[in-house]
Amino acid sequence: MAEIKFPEAVPGAMPEHAGARRPRELCKRLEACGFTARQAADLAARLEGIQAVRTGWSLTEIESLLFLRWLVGHGRLGDVLTETS
């Protein structure tokens, strides 16, 4: 699947300093120290406040959860989830 790239000029776009790159950089550093990709991702998830799961986290899953957290925190997804039919 192709990676989605969002333009930086979009008003209200998720800023880089909002933690968008932090887990990826941390995982690279941990892997360089001998951790497996899954171990590194689990530690990065924990540092982002994401609870552990039995199967562990992947970096893609962490980034997706952080993006969803950002959407909800900025009111871009909350109304959709609370609507009743």
C-alpha atoms as a PDB file:
ATOM      1  CA  MET A   1       0.000   0.000   0.000  1.00  0.00           C
ATOM      2  CA  ALA A   2       1.319   3.448  -0.885  1.00  0.00           C
ATOM      3  CA  GLU A   3       2.174   5.828   1.933  1.00  0.00           C
ATOM      4  CA  ILE A   4      -0.134   8.844   2.177  1.00  0.00           C
ATOM      5  CA  LYS A   5       1.697  12.160   2.288  1.00  0.00           C
ATOM      6  CA  PHE A   6      -0.098  15.241   3.564  1.00  0.00           C
ATOM      7  CA  PRO A   7       1.016  18.661   2.348  1.00  0.00           C
ATOM      8  CA  GLU A   8       2.410  20.926   5.033  1.00  0.00           C
ATOM      9  CA  ALA A   9       0.512  23.956   3.699  1.00  0.00           C
ATOM     10  CA  VAL A  10      -2.908  22.582   4.668  1.00  0.00           C
ATOM     11  CA  PRO A  11      -4.431  24.745   7.427  1.00  0.00           C
ATOM     12  CA  GLY A  12      -4.687  22.727  10.629  1.00  0.00           C
ATOM     13  CA  ALA A  13      -2.416  19.969   9.349  1.00  0.00           C
ATOM     14  CA  MET A  14      -0.688  17.896  12.013  1.00  0.00           C
ATOM     15  CA  PRO A  15       2.546  19.731  12.842  1.00  0.00           C
ATOM     16  CA  GLU A  16       5.835  17.843  12.899  1.00  0.00           C
ATOM     17  CA  HIS A  17       6.459  18.852  16.506  1.00  0.00           C
ATOM     18  CA  ALA A  18       3.225  17.156  17.573  1.00  0.00           C
ATOM     19  CA  GLY A  19       5.080  13.847  17.869  1.00  0.00           C
ATOM     20  CA  ALA A  20       4.657  12.700  14.283  1.00  0.00           C
ATOM     21  CA  ARG A  21       8.292  11.598  13.913  1.00  0.00           C
ATOM     22  CA  ARG A  22       9.215  10.812  17.505  1.00  0.00           C
ATOM     23  CA  PRO A  23       8.257   7.076  17.541  1.00  0.00           C
ATOM     24  CA  ARG A  24       9.973   6.403  14.211  1.00  0.00           C
ATOM     25  CA  GLU A  25      13.248   7.976  15.338  1.00  0.00           C
ATOM     26  CA  LEU A  26      13.107   6.207  18.689  1.00  0.00           C
ATOM     27  CA  CYS A  27      12.532   2.842  17.018  1.00  0.00           C
ATOM     28  CA  LYS A  28      15.505   3.348  14.714  1.00  0.00           C
ATOM     29  CA  ARG A  29      17.742   4.153  17.679  1.00  0.00           C
ATOM     30  CA  LEU A  30      16.508   1.196  19.721  1.00  0.00           C
ATOM     31  CA  GLU A  31      16.992  -1.178  16.791  1.00  0.00           C
ATOM     32  CA  ALA A  32      20.540   0.134  16.410  1.00  0.00           C
ATOM     33  CA  CYS A  33      21.075  -0.855  20.066  1.00  0.00           C
ATOM     34  CA  GLY A  34      19.981  -4.438  19.394  1.00  0.00           C
ATOM     35  CA  PHE A  35      16.214  -4.403  20.024  1.00  0.00           C
ATOM     36  CA  THR A  36      13.946  -6.151  17.539  1.00  0.00           C
ATOM     37  CA  ALA A  37      11.509  -4.012  15.555  1.00  0.00           C
ATOM     38  CA  ARG A  38       8.601  -5.287  17.684  1.00  0.00           C
ATOM     39  CA  GLN A  39      10.415  -4.620  20.979  1.00  0.00           C
ATOM     40  CA  ALA A  40      11.377  -1.134  19.847  1.00  0.00           C
ATOM     41  CA  ALA A  41       7.818  -0.368  18.749  1.00  0.00           C
ATOM     42  CA  ASP A  42       6.415  -1.635  22.066  1.00  0.00           C
ATOM     43  CA  LEU A  43       8.722   0.678  24.006  1.00  0.00           C
ATOM     44  CA  ALA A  44       7.891   3.621  21.738  1.00  0.00           C
ATOM     45  CA  ALA A  45       4.170   2.934  22.199  1.00  0.00           C
ATOM     46  CA  ARG A  46       4.544   2.866  25.964  1.00  0.00           C
ATOM     47  CA  LEU A  47       6.351   6.208  25.924  1.00  0.00           C
ATOM     48  CA  GLU A  48       3.449   7.663  23.920  1.00  0.00           C
ATOM     49  CA  GLY A  49       0.971   6.447  26.534  1.00  0.00           C
ATOM     50  CA  ILE A  50      -0.325   3.509  24.499  1.00  0.00           C
ATOM     51  CA  GLN A  51      -0.972   0.425  26.612  1.00  0.00           C
ATOM     52  CA  ALA A  52       0.731  -2.864  25.835  1.00  0.00           C
ATOM     53  CA  VAL A  53      -1.102  -5.579  23.933  1.00  0.00           C
ATOM     54  CA  ARG A  54      -0.380  -9.295  23.824  1.00  0.00           C
ATOM     55  CA  THR A  55       0.763  -9.315  20.194  1.00  0.00           C
ATOM     56  CA  GLY A  56       2.817  -6.124  20.492  1.00  0.00           C
ATOM     57  CA  TRP A  57       2.661  -3.010  18.344  1.00  0.00           C
ATOM     58  CA  SER A  58       4.126  -2.210  14.956  1.00  0.00           C
ATOM     59  CA  LEU A  59       5.443   1.232  14.106  1.00  0.00           C
ATOM     60  CA  THR A  60       2.653   1.705  11.549  1.00  0.00           C
ATOM     61  CA  GLU A  61       0.006   0.917  14.171  1.00  0.00           C
ATOM     62  CA  ILE A  62       1.543   3.393  16.629  1.00  0.00           C
ATOM     63  CA  GLU A  63       1.636   6.152  14.030  1.00  0.00           C
ATOM     64  CA  SER A  64      -1.982   5.430  13.082  1.00  0.00           C
ATOM     65  CA  LEU A  65      -3.101   5.600  16.712  1.00  0.00           C
ATOM     66  CA  LEU A  66      -1.215   8.854  17.257  1.00  0.00           C
ATOM     67  CA  PHE A  67      -2.829  10.334  14.158  1.00  0.00           C
ATOM     68  CA  LEU A  68      -6.283   9.277  15.357  1.00  0.00           C
ATOM     69  CA  ARG A  69      -5.508  10.747  18.783  1.00  0.00           C
ATOM     70  CA  TRP A  70      -4.568  14.012  17.070  1.00  0.00           C
ATOM     71  CA  LEU A  71      -7.779  14.020  15.000  1.00  0.00           C
ATOM     72  CA  VAL A  72      -9.951  13.473  18.071  1.00  0.00           C
ATOM     73  CA  GLY A  73      -8.000  16.015  20.105  1.00  0.00           C
ATOM     74  CA  HIS A  74      -8.566  18.671  17.440  1.00  0.00           C
ATOM     75  CA  GLY A  75     -12.273  17.932  17.013  1.00  0.00           C
ATOM     76  CA  ARG A  76     -11.940  16.473  13.546  1.00  0.00           C
ATOM     77  CA  LEU A  77     -13.195  12.988  14.360  1.00  0.00           C
ATOM     78  CA  GLY A  78     -15.189  13.287  17.598  1.00  0.00           C
ATOM     79  CA  ASP A  79     -18.482  14.322  15.978  1.00  0.00           C
ATOM     80  CA  VAL A  80     -18.409  11.352  13.624  1.00  0.00           C
ATOM     81  CA  LEU A  81     -17.959   8.888  16.472  1.00  0.00           C
ATOM     82  CA  THR A  82     -20.674  10.381  18.690  1.00  0.00           C
ATOM     83  CA  GLU A  83     -23.420  10.723  16.047  1.00  0.00           C
ATOM     84  CA  THR A  84     -26.411   8.434  16.444  1.00  0.00           C
ATOM     85  CA  SER A  85     -28.570   7.300  13.580  1.00  0.00           C
END
